[in-house]
Amino acid sequence: MTASERTNCVHRARCLGVADNCIFVGKQPNIVDYLCASDVLLLPSEQESFGLAALEALAVQVPVIASRVGGVPEVIDDGETGFLSEVGDLDEMADDAAQAVDGPKTAPRNGETRARLSH
């Protein structure tokens, strides 16, 4: 994330009144610690080559909400280990994130992700 992207994200969080619930940590040498404390990984990329971030999240049983781009659909089983949306469909991604965290038992959950990864 560039400095201007970070500034825009912080500004947007403040405008939405959620800044106190957000932590913008920047580049981290050990992202696993952050992933383990996460409910979901949101990956709203316009382009992705492989989807390494998604794979890292799944490795620690975190459902992934991502754009259907690049290699990401090869990593995420839509509706099983996460949710895929068209690029720019942030409303659907927000709904999917809410479902993954609070939704019905059919939503991808951490335990289900772990079970799928162990097979």
N, C-alpha and C. Protein backbone atom coordinates (compact mmCIF):
# COMPACT_ATOMS: atom_id res chain seq x y z
N MET A 1 0.85 -1.16 0.00
CA MET A 1 0.00 0.00 0.00
C MET A 1 0.90 1.23 0.00
N THR A 2 0.62 2.13 -0.91
CA THR A 2 1.41 3.36 -0.98
C THR A 2 0.97 4.31 0.13
N ALA A 3 1.77 5.31 0.36
CA ALA A 3 1.44 6.30 1.40
C ALA A 3 0.12 7.00 1.09
N SER A 4 -0.13 7.32 -0.17
CA SER A 4 -1.39 7.99 -0.51
C SER A 4 -2.58 7.05 -0.34
N GLU A 5 -2.41 5.75 -0.65
CA GLU A 5 -3.49 4.79 -0.43
C GLU A 5 -3.79 4.66 1.06
N ARG A 6 -2.73 4.63 1.86
CA ARG A 6 -2.91 4.54 3.31
C ARG A 6 -3.65 5.77 3.82
N THR A 7 -3.25 6.94 3.36
CA THR A 7 -3.91 8.18 3.77
C THR A 7 -5.39 8.13 3.40
N ASN A 8 -5.70 7.68 2.19
CA ASN A 8 -7.09 7.58 1.75
C ASN A 8 -7.88 6.59 2.62
N CYS A 9 -7.26 5.47 2.96
CA CYS A 9 -7.94 4.48 3.81
C CYS A 9 -8.21 5.02 5.20
N VAL A 10 -7.23 5.68 5.78
CA VAL A 10 -7.41 6.27 7.11
C VAL A 10 -8.50 7.33 7.06
N HIS A 11 -8.48 8.17 6.06
CA HIS A 11 -9.51 9.21 5.90
C HIS A 11 -10.89 8.57 5.78
N ARG A 12 -10.99 7.55 4.96
CA ARG A 12 -12.28 6.87 4.75
C ARG A 12 -12.78 6.24 6.05
N ALA A 13 -11.89 5.62 6.80
CA ALA A 13 -12.27 5.03 8.09
C ALA A 13 -12.78 6.09 9.05
N ARG A 14 -12.13 7.25 9.06
CA ARG A 14 -12.60 8.35 9.92
C ARG A 14 -13.97 8.83 9.48
N CYS A 15 -14.17 9.00 8.18
CA CYS A 15 -15.46 9.46 7.65
C CYS A 15 -16.58 8.49 7.99
N LEU A 16 -16.27 7.21 7.99
CA LEU A 16 -17.27 6.19 8.30
C LEU A 16 -17.46 5.98 9.80
N GLY A 17 -16.61 6.62 10.60
CA GLY A 17 -16.73 6.49 12.05
C GLY A 17 -16.20 5.17 12.59
N VAL A 18 -15.33 4.50 11.83
CA VAL A 18 -14.81 3.21 12.27
C VAL A 18 -13.30 3.25 12.53
N ALA A 19 -12.71 4.42 12.47
CA ALA A 19 -11.26 4.53 12.62
C ALA A 19 -10.76 3.96 13.94
N ASP A 20 -11.55 4.10 15.00
CA ASP A 20 -11.13 3.56 16.30
C ASP A 20 -11.11 2.04 16.32
N ASN A 21 -11.75 1.42 15.34
CA ASN A 21 -11.78 -0.04 15.25
C ASN A 21 -10.79 -0.58 14.22
N CYS A 22 -10.00 0.30 13.64
CA CYS A 22 -9.06 -0.09 12.59
C CYS A 22 -7.62 0.11 13.05
N ILE A 23 -6.78 -0.78 12.59
CA ILE A 23 -5.34 -0.64 12.83
C ILE A 23 -4.66 -0.71 11.47
N PHE A 24 -3.97 0.33 11.10
CA PHE A 24 -3.22 0.37 9.85
C PHE A 24 -1.76 0.16 10.19
N VAL A 25 -1.30 -1.07 10.06
CA VAL A 25 0.02 -1.43 10.56
C VAL A 25 1.15 -1.27 9.55
N GLY A 26 0.81 -1.12 8.27
CA GLY A 26 1.85 -1.04 7.26
C GLY A 26 2.51 -2.39 7.04
N LYS A 27 3.63 -2.39 6.37
CA LYS A 27 4.33 -3.64 6.05
C LYS A 27 4.85 -4.28 7.33
N GLN A 28 4.61 -5.57 7.45
CA GLN A 28 5.01 -6.31 8.64
C GLN A 28 5.87 -7.52 8.26
N PRO A 29 6.94 -7.77 9.01
CA PRO A 29 7.78 -8.92 8.70
C PRO A 29 7.11 -10.26 9.04
N ASN A 30 6.18 -10.27 10.01
CA ASN A 30 5.52 -11.51 10.41
C ASN A 30 4.01 -11.31 10.37
N ILE A 31 3.44 -11.39 9.18
CA ILE A 31 2.02 -11.13 8.99
C ILE A 31 1.15 -12.20 9.64
N VAL A 32 1.70 -13.36 9.91
CA VAL A 32 0.92 -14.45 10.50
C VAL A 32 0.31 -14.04 11.83
N ASP A 33 1.03 -13.27 12.63
CA ASP A 33 0.49 -12.81 13.90
C ASP A 33 -0.80 -12.02 13.69
N TYR A 34 -0.84 -11.19 12.66
CA TYR A 34 -2.03 -10.39 12.37
C TYR A 34 -3.14 -11.26 11.79
N LEU A 35 -2.77 -12.17 10.92
CA LEU A 35 -3.78 -13.06 10.34
C LEU A 35 -4.45 -13.90 11.41
N CYS A 36 -3.68 -14.40 12.35
CA CYS A 36 -4.24 -15.24 13.42
C CYS A 36 -5.24 -14.48 14.29
N ALA A 37 -5.11 -13.18 14.34
CA ALA A 37 -6.03 -12.35 15.13
C ALA A 37 -7.20 -11.84 14.29
N SER A 38 -7.28 -12.26 13.03
CA SER A 38 -8.29 -11.74 12.11
C SER A 38 -9.48 -12.66 11.98
N ASP A 39 -10.64 -12.07 11.70
CA ASP A 39 -11.85 -12.84 11.41
C ASP A 39 -11.95 -13.17 9.94
N VAL A 40 -11.50 -12.27 9.09
CA VAL A 40 -11.50 -12.46 7.64
C VAL A 40 -10.32 -11.71 7.05
N LEU A 41 -9.95 -12.10 5.83
CA LEU A 41 -8.98 -11.34 5.05
C LEU A 41 -9.75 -10.74 3.88
N LEU A 42 -9.72 -9.45 3.76
CA LEU A 42 -10.37 -8.76 2.65
C LEU A 42 -9.30 -8.43 1.62
N LEU A 43 -9.50 -8.95 0.39
CA LEU A 43 -8.52 -8.79 -0.67
C LEU A 43 -9.23 -8.23 -1.91
N PRO A 44 -9.51 -6.90 -1.90
CA PRO A 44 -10.29 -6.29 -3.00
C PRO A 44 -9.43 -5.84 -4.18
N SER A 45 -8.48 -6.66 -4.56
CA SER A 45 -7.52 -6.30 -5.60
C SER A 45 -8.17 -6.14 -6.96
N GLU A 46 -7.61 -5.22 -7.75
CA GLU A 46 -8.02 -5.09 -9.14
C GLU A 46 -7.23 -6.06 -10.00
N GLN A 47 -6.06 -6.45 -9.52
CA GLN A 47 -5.26 -7.47 -10.20
C GLN A 47 -4.41 -8.19 -9.16
N GLU A 48 -4.22 -9.46 -9.36
CA GLU A 48 -3.42 -10.32 -8.48
C GLU A 48 -2.76 -11.35 -9.38
N SER A 49 -1.52 -11.64 -9.14
CA SER A 49 -0.90 -12.66 -9.96
C SER A 49 -1.25 -14.05 -9.43
N PHE A 50 -0.94 -14.32 -8.17
CA PHE A 50 -1.12 -15.66 -7.63
C PHE A 50 -2.13 -15.71 -6.49
N GLY A 51 -2.13 -14.76 -5.60
CA GLY A 51 -3.01 -14.79 -4.45
C GLY A 51 -2.33 -15.34 -3.21
N LEU A 52 -1.04 -15.02 -3.06
CA LEU A 52 -0.28 -15.51 -1.91
C LEU A 52 -0.90 -15.07 -0.59
N ALA A 53 -1.38 -13.83 -0.51
CA ALA A 53 -1.99 -13.35 0.74
C ALA A 53 -3.20 -14.20 1.10
N ALA A 54 -4.00 -14.57 0.10
CA ALA A 54 -5.16 -15.43 0.35
C ALA A 54 -4.71 -16.80 0.86
N LEU A 55 -3.70 -17.35 0.26
CA LEU A 55 -3.18 -18.65 0.67
C LEU A 55 -2.65 -18.61 2.10
N GLU A 56 -1.97 -17.53 2.45
CA GLU A 56 -1.46 -17.37 3.82
C GLU A 56 -2.60 -17.31 4.82
N ALA A 57 -3.68 -16.60 4.47
CA ALA A 57 -4.84 -16.51 5.37
C ALA A 57 -5.48 -17.88 5.55
N LEU A 58 -5.67 -18.59 4.46
CA LEU A 58 -6.27 -19.92 4.56
C LEU A 58 -5.42 -20.86 5.39
N ALA A 59 -4.10 -20.70 5.32
CA ALA A 59 -3.20 -21.56 6.09
C ALA A 59 -3.40 -21.42 7.59
N VAL A 60 -3.92 -20.28 8.02
CA VAL A 60 -4.19 -20.08 9.45
C VAL A 60 -5.70 -20.00 9.71
N GLN A 61 -6.47 -20.61 8.78
CA GLN A 61 -7.90 -20.81 8.95
C GLN A 61 -8.72 -19.54 8.94
N VAL A 62 -8.29 -18.54 8.19
CA VAL A 62 -9.03 -17.28 8.08
C VAL A 62 -9.74 -17.24 6.72
N PRO A 63 -11.08 -17.13 6.72
CA PRO A 63 -11.80 -17.03 5.45
C PRO A 63 -11.37 -15.79 4.66
N VAL A 64 -11.40 -15.90 3.34
CA VAL A 64 -10.94 -14.83 2.47
C VAL A 64 -12.10 -14.28 1.65
N ILE A 65 -12.23 -12.96 1.64
CA ILE A 65 -13.20 -12.24 0.81
C ILE A 65 -12.35 -11.54 -0.24
N ALA A 66 -12.50 -11.93 -1.51
CA ALA A 66 -11.56 -11.45 -2.52
C ALA A 66 -12.23 -11.15 -3.86
N SER A 67 -11.51 -10.38 -4.65
CA SER A 67 -11.92 -10.13 -6.04
C SER A 67 -11.60 -11.37 -6.87
N ARG A 68 -12.44 -11.62 -7.85
CA ARG A 68 -12.25 -12.75 -8.77
C ARG A 68 -11.27 -12.32 -9.86
N VAL A 69 -9.97 -12.32 -9.52
CA VAL A 69 -8.93 -11.89 -10.46
C VAL A 69 -7.72 -12.81 -10.36
N GLY A 70 -6.94 -12.84 -11.43
CA GLY A 70 -5.69 -13.58 -11.44
C GLY A 70 -5.83 -14.99 -10.95
N GLY A 71 -4.92 -15.41 -10.10
CA GLY A 71 -4.92 -16.77 -9.57
C GLY A 71 -5.77 -16.96 -8.33
N VAL A 72 -6.42 -15.90 -7.85
CA VAL A 72 -7.19 -16.01 -6.61
C VAL A 72 -8.29 -17.07 -6.70
N PRO A 73 -9.06 -17.16 -7.79
CA PRO A 73 -10.08 -18.20 -7.86
C PRO A 73 -9.53 -19.63 -7.79
N GLU A 74 -8.26 -19.80 -8.07
CA GLU A 74 -7.64 -21.12 -7.95
C GLU A 74 -7.32 -21.45 -6.49
N VAL A 75 -7.26 -20.43 -5.64
CA VAL A 75 -6.93 -20.60 -4.23
C VAL A 75 -8.20 -20.64 -3.37
N ILE A 76 -9.20 -19.85 -3.73
CA ILE A 76 -10.43 -19.73 -2.95
C ILE A 76 -11.53 -20.56 -3.58
N ASP A 77 -12.14 -21.42 -2.79
CA ASP A 77 -13.31 -22.17 -3.22
C ASP A 77 -14.52 -21.35 -2.80
N ASP A 78 -15.11 -20.62 -3.76
CA ASP A 78 -16.18 -19.66 -3.49
C ASP A 78 -17.32 -20.31 -2.72
N GLY A 79 -17.63 -19.73 -1.54
CA GLY A 79 -18.69 -20.25 -0.70
C GLY A 79 -18.23 -21.34 0.26
N GLU A 80 -17.00 -21.79 0.11
CA GLU A 80 -16.46 -22.84 0.97
C GLU A 80 -15.33 -22.32 1.87
N THR A 81 -14.27 -21.81 1.25
CA THR A 81 -13.14 -21.28 2.03
C THR A 81 -13.11 -19.76 2.01
N GLY A 82 -14.08 -19.17 1.35
CA GLY A 82 -14.17 -17.72 1.25
C GLY A 82 -15.21 -17.35 0.23
N PHE A 83 -15.20 -16.09 -0.16
CA PHE A 83 -16.15 -15.59 -1.14
C PHE A 83 -15.41 -14.81 -2.21
N LEU A 84 -15.85 -14.94 -3.45
CA LEU A 84 -15.28 -14.20 -4.57
C LEU A 84 -16.32 -13.25 -5.13
N SER A 85 -15.88 -12.04 -5.48
CA SER A 85 -16.75 -11.03 -6.07
C SER A 85 -16.07 -10.43 -7.29
N GLU A 86 -16.86 -9.80 -8.12
CA GLU A 86 -16.29 -9.10 -9.27
C GLU A 86 -15.50 -7.89 -8.76
N VAL A 87 -14.50 -7.50 -9.51
CA VAL A 87 -13.67 -6.35 -9.15
C VAL A 87 -14.55 -5.13 -8.93
N GLY A 88 -14.35 -4.46 -7.81
CA GLY A 88 -15.06 -3.23 -7.52
C GLY A 88 -16.40 -3.40 -6.84
N ASP A 89 -16.87 -4.63 -6.66
CA ASP A 89 -18.17 -4.85 -6.01
C ASP A 89 -17.99 -4.88 -4.50
N LEU A 90 -17.72 -3.71 -3.94
CA LEU A 90 -17.42 -3.61 -2.51
C LEU A 90 -18.64 -3.88 -1.65
N ASP A 91 -19.84 -3.58 -2.16
CA ASP A 91 -21.06 -3.88 -1.39
C ASP A 91 -21.19 -5.38 -1.17
N GLU A 92 -20.98 -6.15 -2.24
CA GLU A 92 -21.06 -7.61 -2.11
C GLU A 92 -19.96 -8.12 -1.18
N MET A 93 -18.77 -7.55 -1.30
CA MET A 93 -17.68 -7.98 -0.43
C MET A 93 -17.99 -7.68 1.04
N ALA A 94 -18.58 -6.53 1.30
CA ALA A 94 -18.95 -6.19 2.67
C ALA A 94 -20.01 -7.17 3.20
N ASP A 95 -21.00 -7.49 2.36
CA ASP A 95 -22.02 -8.47 2.76
C ASP A 95 -21.39 -9.83 3.02
N ASP A 96 -20.47 -10.23 2.16
CA ASP A 96 -19.80 -11.52 2.32
C ASP A 96 -18.97 -11.55 3.61
N ALA A 97 -18.29 -10.46 3.90
CA ALA A 97 -17.48 -10.39 5.12
C ALA A 97 -18.38 -10.52 6.35
N ALA A 98 -19.52 -9.83 6.33
CA ALA A 98 -20.46 -9.92 7.45
C ALA A 98 -20.97 -11.34 7.59
N GLN A 99 -21.26 -11.99 6.48
CA GLN A 99 -21.75 -13.37 6.52
C GLN A 99 -20.68 -14.30 7.06
N ALA A 100 -19.44 -14.10 6.65
CA ALA A 100 -18.35 -14.96 7.12
C ALA A 100 -18.14 -14.82 8.62
N VAL A 101 -18.36 -13.62 9.15
CA VAL A 101 -18.15 -13.38 10.57
C VAL A 101 -19.37 -13.75 11.41
N ASP A 102 -20.55 -13.32 10.96
CA ASP A 102 -21.76 -13.47 11.76
C ASP A 102 -22.84 -14.34 11.14
N GLY A 103 -22.58 -14.82 9.93
CA GLY A 103 -23.64 -15.43 9.14
C GLY A 103 -24.05 -16.81 9.55
N PRO A 104 -24.89 -17.40 8.70
CA PRO A 104 -25.40 -18.75 8.98
C PRO A 104 -24.31 -19.80 8.92
N LYS A 105 -24.64 -20.97 9.34
CA LYS A 105 -23.66 -22.04 9.39
C LYS A 105 -23.11 -22.42 8.02
N THR A 106 -23.78 -21.99 6.95
CA THR A 106 -23.28 -22.30 5.62
C THR A 106 -22.14 -21.38 5.20
N ALA A 107 -21.91 -20.30 5.93
CA ALA A 107 -20.82 -19.39 5.59
C ALA A 107 -19.49 -20.03 5.93
N PRO A 108 -18.45 -19.69 5.17
CA PRO A 108 -17.13 -20.21 5.52
C PRO A 108 -16.75 -19.78 6.94
N ARG A 109 -16.32 -20.70 7.74
CA ARG A 109 -15.92 -20.40 9.11
C ARG A 109 -14.50 -20.91 9.31
N ASN A 110 -13.86 -20.41 10.32
CA ASN A 110 -12.47 -20.81 10.56
C ASN A 110 -12.31 -22.31 10.69
N GLY A 111 -13.17 -22.99 11.43
CA GLY A 111 -13.05 -24.43 11.61
C GLY A 111 -13.26 -25.18 10.32
N GLU A 112 -14.21 -24.73 9.51
CA GLU A 112 -14.45 -25.38 8.23
C GLU A 112 -13.26 -25.20 7.31
N THR A 113 -12.68 -24.01 7.34
CA THR A 113 -11.50 -23.77 6.51
C THR A 113 -10.38 -24.72 6.93
N ARG A 114 -10.19 -24.88 8.23
CA ARG A 114 -9.15 -25.79 8.72
C ARG A 114 -9.41 -27.21 8.25
N ALA A 115 -10.66 -27.65 8.31
CA ALA A 115 -10.99 -29.00 7.88
C ALA A 115 -10.69 -29.17 6.40
N ARG A 116 -10.99 -28.18 5.58
CA ARG A 116 -10.74 -28.28 4.16
C ARG A 116 -9.25 -28.30 3.86
N LEU A 117 -8.48 -27.52 4.62
CA LEU A 117 -7.04 -27.47 4.37
C LEU A 117 -6.35 -28.75 4.77
N SER A 118 -6.92 -29.48 5.72
CA SER A 118 -6.26 -30.69 6.20
C SER A 118 -6.47 -31.88 5.29
N HIS A 119 -7.35 -31.74 4.29
CA HIS A 119 -7.61 -32.86 3.38
C HIS A 119 -6.70 -32.87 2.20
